[in-house]
């Protein structure tokens, strides 16, 4: 009588196929898990920025005007033409000095992304310190996860400053001052000038460098920006008149520039990229 031989294990091919399937499933699981985690971090950051923006709005409402942003350094578009007395104009938030010391706009923009990263904390400390002194804004900020409110030192004080889920400080983009057209003569009025980086935005304000890098504020509303998972803000280089199209139709490769691509994972407290 012939007896059948029973297999007591797997063949090498079966084991190989099984291992390959397990590896494929593990890769898919890790990929899905990574996307879920990133979405969770993005949602957490966006929620915190919305609360921060609400606190800023409450602060502005209580004062009857938004925070003003500028400098009295040198020949700068934020200083009204013809003002010889620097004390005439008092700014709430001062532009960090090394952001306005370049010889011209193009040389400043060439290093602007790096300079912006170095000064995001300085701008943030000024803003969050003011909000901590306002009761309603302080209550609103208390709704943010404390893990995203990291302490920064300013003038001997410790200030809770908003950071994103990746540990990077949030950029606060403030519109410039009102575009001036009512001067005693043309000498005292603003003019758009590419060489000096002077642009009028559709909300009637001077375009700040932060707006040139991240996009113009809408209707004069301050907005917040996270650099996203890569930690890099990038540079849109929004150097066109408010009436012109953006990105420039004449440059098909404009959006393929590395500095533009770095802006694509940025997170905004409201939609600024309307193009």
Foldseek 3Di string as FASTA:
>chain_A
DDDDDDDPDDDPVVVVVVVVVVVVVVVVVVVVVVVVVQVVLQVLQLVLQLLLLVLQVVVQVVVVHHFAEEEPPDPAPLDFFPDPDSVVDDGQFYDPPVLPPDPWDVVSVVCVQVVCQVCQVVRQVSVQVVSCVPVVSVVSSVVRDQVQQDWDDDPNDTGRFGAGSQGGGKGKDFFHAAQADPDPDPSRGDDDDLGRQFAAAPLRTTGDQVCQFQNDDDNRRIKIKQLGPVRGQAGLRNRDYNPADPPHPVDPCSCVDPSNVSNVRMDMNDDRPPD
